[in-house]
C-alpha cells in the first residue's frame, strides 16, 4: 500500500542520513521529480484510475519530514509559472481548464444539448473526485506539525506573491501559473 511505500521511504531517509557521501535532499529531489512527472501525466478524465498516485501524495503530506521536503521541492521562484513544476503545483493544475482541454473542445453552438450535458457531468464528477485528494493533502500539510504548517502557509503566500501580476487580460500568461491552478487554489481556500 502507499503507507508501506511511505514507511520504506522514511526508513531509507534515515539510512541516507547516516551514510557518508549521500545527501538527503538529492535523493528526495529525484523521488519528487519522478512523482511530479507522474502527476503531470494525469488528465482530469483519468483521475479515478490514478488514485494510487494521488493517495501517495496525500500520504507524503501527512509525514512531517517528508511533507517539509515535498514543500521545498514544490517551491518555485519569482516567476509564477515555476510553481507548477513540483508535485503540489502539478496536482493543483489538474482541471477542466487545463492546457489540453478534454471537455468542451467543440463549439458549443454546434453540440447537441445532450452531448454538452454529458461532458459537463463528466467534468464535474471528475473534478469532485480530485478535490478530496487536494483537500486531504493540504490538511496533511497543515496538521503534520508546526514547522510543516509554517512551511505550507509560506508556500501558499510565496505562490500568491509570485503570481500577483496575473490579474487582468493584459498580463503575460507565459510568466504566471495556469488558470487551472488558481481555480483549484480558490476552491481549496
Protein backbone atom coordinates (compact mmCIF):
# COMPACT_ATOMS: atom_id res chain seq x y z
CA UNK A 1 0.00 0.00 0.00
CA UNK A 2 1.01 3.65 -0.24
CA UNK A 3 1.63 3.84 3.53
CA UNK A 4 4.06 0.94 3.19
CA UNK A 5 5.87 2.81 0.43
CA UNK A 6 5.99 5.95 2.56
CA UNK A 7 7.33 3.94 5.53
CA UNK A 8 10.07 2.49 3.30
CA UNK A 9 10.91 5.98 2.00
CA UNK A 10 11.12 7.36 5.52
CA UNK A 11 13.32 4.46 6.67
CA UNK A 12 15.54 4.93 3.63
CA UNK A 13 15.93 8.58 4.52
CA UNK A 14 17.24 7.58 7.93
CA UNK A 15 19.82 5.32 6.26
CA UNK A 16 20.79 8.03 3.78
CA UNK A 17 21.04 10.49 6.64
CA UNK A 18 23.59 8.30 8.43
CA UNK A 19 25.52 7.25 5.30
CA UNK A 20 28.58 9.20 4.28
CA UNK A 21 28.61 10.73 0.83
CA UNK A 22 24.84 10.88 0.27
CA UNK A 23 22.74 13.96 0.58
CA UNK A 24 19.15 13.51 1.65
CA UNK A 25 17.98 16.47 -0.44
CA UNK A 26 19.37 14.97 -3.66
CA UNK A 27 17.69 11.65 -3.00
CA UNK A 28 14.32 13.25 -2.27
CA UNK A 29 14.63 15.63 -5.21
CA UNK A 30 14.85 12.65 -7.57
CA UNK A 31 11.90 10.89 -5.96
CA UNK A 32 9.74 14.03 -6.02
CA UNK A 33 10.78 14.84 -9.59
CA UNK A 34 9.62 11.42 -10.75
CA UNK A 35 6.41 11.77 -8.76
CA UNK A 36 5.79 15.22 -10.28
CA UNK A 37 6.21 13.74 -13.77
CA UNK A 38 3.71 11.03 -12.87
CA UNK A 39 1.19 13.59 -11.59
CA UNK A 40 1.70 15.74 -14.71
CA UNK A 41 0.52 12.82 -16.86
CA UNK A 42 -2.83 12.62 -15.07
CA UNK A 43 -5.57 14.29 -17.11
CA UNK A 44 -8.80 15.19 -15.36
CA UNK A 45 -10.62 12.39 -17.19
CA UNK A 46 -8.22 9.81 -15.69
CA UNK A 47 -8.26 10.92 -12.05
CA UNK A 48 -10.23 7.85 -10.94
CA UNK A 49 -7.67 5.48 -12.47
CA UNK A 50 -4.78 7.44 -10.93
CA UNK A 51 -5.96 7.41 -7.33
CA UNK A 52 -2.89 5.39 -6.20
CA UNK A 53 -0.57 8.19 -7.26
CA UNK A 54 -2.77 10.86 -5.70
CA UNK A 55 -3.06 8.86 -2.48
CA UNK A 56 0.73 8.56 -2.35
CA UNK A 57 0.99 12.36 -2.45
CA UNK A 58 -1.59 12.60 0.35
CA UNK A 59 0.39 10.07 2.43
CA UNK A 60 3.63 12.01 1.91
CA UNK A 61 1.92 15.22 3.01
CA UNK A 62 0.94 13.64 6.34
CA UNK A 63 4.53 12.83 7.40
CA UNK A 64 6.34 15.86 8.87
CA UNK A 65 9.83 15.22 7.42
CA UNK A 66 8.58 14.13 4.03
CA UNK A 67 5.98 16.91 3.89
CA UNK A 68 8.60 19.58 4.58
CA UNK A 69 10.83 18.13 1.86
CA UNK A 70 7.87 17.94 -0.54
CA UNK A 71 7.04 21.59 0.09
CA UNK A 72 10.66 22.56 -0.55
CA UNK A 73 10.79 20.52 -3.76
CA UNK A 74 7.47 22.00 -4.92
CA UNK A 75 8.51 25.61 -4.39
CA UNK A 76 9.01 27.85 -7.38
CA UNK A 77 10.99 31.02 -7.82
CA UNK A 78 9.98 34.58 -8.54
CA UNK A 79 8.29 33.60 -11.79
CA UNK A 80 4.81 32.26 -11.17
CA UNK A 81 4.90 29.56 -13.86
CA UNK A 82 7.65 27.69 -12.00
CA UNK A 83 5.24 26.87 -9.15
CA UNK A 84 3.50 24.33 -11.39
CA UNK A 85 6.62 22.20 -11.77
CA UNK A 86 6.55 20.50 -8.36
CA UNK A 87 4.26 17.75 -7.13
CA UNK A 88 1.85 20.10 -5.36
CA UNK A 89 1.61 22.54 -8.25
CA UNK A 90 1.04 19.80 -10.79
CA UNK A 91 -1.61 18.23 -8.63
CA UNK A 92 -3.36 21.59 -8.28
CA UNK A 93 -3.12 22.15 -12.05
CA UNK A 94 -5.34 19.16 -12.89
CA UNK A 95 -8.54 20.83 -14.02
CA UNK A 96 -11.17 21.19 -16.69
CA UNK A 97 -9.40 24.40 -17.74
CA UNK A 98 -6.05 22.69 -18.29
CA UNK A 99 -3.65 23.41 -21.18
CA UNK A 100 -5.03 20.49 -23.23
CA UNK A 101 -8.79 20.69 -22.83
CA UNK A 102 -10.53 17.34 -22.67
CA UNK A 103 -14.02 18.69 -22.33
CA UNK A 104 -15.91 21.24 -24.38
CA UNK A 105 -13.47 21.09 -27.30
CA UNK A 106 -16.27 21.50 -29.81
CA UNK A 107 -18.02 24.76 -30.46
CA UNK A 108 -20.95 24.84 -28.04
CA UNK A 109 -23.29 26.15 -30.72
CA UNK A 110 -22.76 23.00 -32.81
CA UNK A 111 -23.01 20.50 -29.92
CA UNK A 112 -26.16 18.66 -29.08
CA UNK A 113 -27.51 19.65 -25.69
CA UNK A 114 -27.24 16.03 -24.53
CA UNK A 115 -23.55 15.90 -25.53
CA UNK A 116 -22.87 19.16 -23.74
CA UNK A 117 -24.63 17.97 -20.59
CA UNK A 118 -22.74 14.67 -20.73
CA UNK A 119 -19.40 16.47 -20.98
CA UNK A 120 -20.43 18.82 -18.19
CA UNK A 121 -21.43 15.90 -15.95
CA UNK A 122 -18.16 14.06 -16.62
CA UNK A 123 -16.08 17.17 -15.94
CA UNK A 124 -17.94 17.87 -12.69
CA UNK A 125 -17.74 14.29 -11.42
CA UNK A 126 -14.00 14.05 -12.18
CA UNK A 127 -13.37 17.41 -10.52
CA UNK A 128 -15.36 16.28 -7.50
CA UNK A 129 -13.29 13.07 -7.42
CA UNK A 130 -10.00 15.01 -7.50
CA UNK A 131 -10.84 17.61 -4.87
CA UNK A 132 -10.82 15.33 -1.79
CA UNK A 133 -7.23 14.35 -2.65
CA UNK A 134 -6.24 18.02 -2.83
CA UNK A 135 -8.04 18.77 0.40
CA UNK A 136 -6.52 15.82 2.29
CA UNK A 137 -3.04 16.66 1.01
CA UNK A 138 -3.28 20.23 2.30
CA UNK A 139 -4.93 19.11 5.55
CA UNK A 140 -1.99 16.74 6.00
CA UNK A 141 0.50 19.53 5.39
CA UNK A 142 -1.24 21.80 7.88
CA UNK A 143 -1.54 19.06 10.53
CA UNK A 144 1.90 17.47 10.12
CA UNK A 145 3.42 19.74 12.75
CA UNK A 146 4.09 23.41 13.50
CA UNK A 147 7.15 23.69 11.24
CA UNK A 148 5.41 21.98 8.36
CA UNK A 149 2.31 24.14 8.84
CA UNK A 150 4.50 27.24 8.74
CA UNK A 151 6.21 25.97 5.56
CA UNK A 152 2.83 25.15 3.94
CA UNK A 153 1.44 28.61 4.69
CA UNK A 154 4.69 30.20 3.48
CA UNK A 155 4.42 28.12 0.29
CA UNK A 156 0.90 29.46 -0.31
CA UNK A 157 1.96 33.04 0.41
CA UNK A 158 5.02 32.83 -1.86
CA UNK A 159 2.94 31.24 -4.61
CA UNK A 160 0.39 34.05 -4.45
CA UNK A 161 3.14 36.68 -4.38
CA UNK A 162 4.87 35.13 -7.42
CA UNK A 163 1.58 35.24 -9.33
CA UNK A 164 0.32 38.64 -8.21
CA UNK A 165 0.82 40.08 -11.70
CA UNK A 166 -1.60 37.54 -13.12
CA UNK A 167 -4.61 39.81 -12.86
CA UNK A 168 -6.23 41.37 -15.88
CA UNK A 169 -6.29 40.44 -19.53
CA UNK A 170 -3.07 42.36 -20.27
CA UNK A 171 -0.94 40.01 -18.14
CA UNK A 172 1.65 37.88 -19.92
CA UNK A 173 0.26 34.43 -19.10
CA UNK A 174 3.52 32.70 -20.05
CA UNK A 175 5.02 34.10 -16.82
CA UNK A 176 2.27 33.04 -14.44
CA UNK A 177 0.61 29.84 -13.29
CA UNK A 178 -2.34 28.37 -15.12
CA UNK A 179 -5.95 29.28 -14.55
CA UNK A 180 -6.44 25.65 -13.53
CA UNK A 181 -4.09 26.02 -10.58
CA UNK A 182 -5.78 29.23 -9.46
CA UNK A 183 -9.25 27.71 -9.71
CA UNK A 184 -8.22 24.74 -7.56
CA UNK A 185 -6.44 27.01 -5.07
CA UNK A 186 -9.52 29.22 -4.77
CA UNK A 187 -11.67 26.17 -4.11
CA UNK A 188 -9.15 24.84 -1.62
CA UNK A 189 -9.01 28.11 0.31
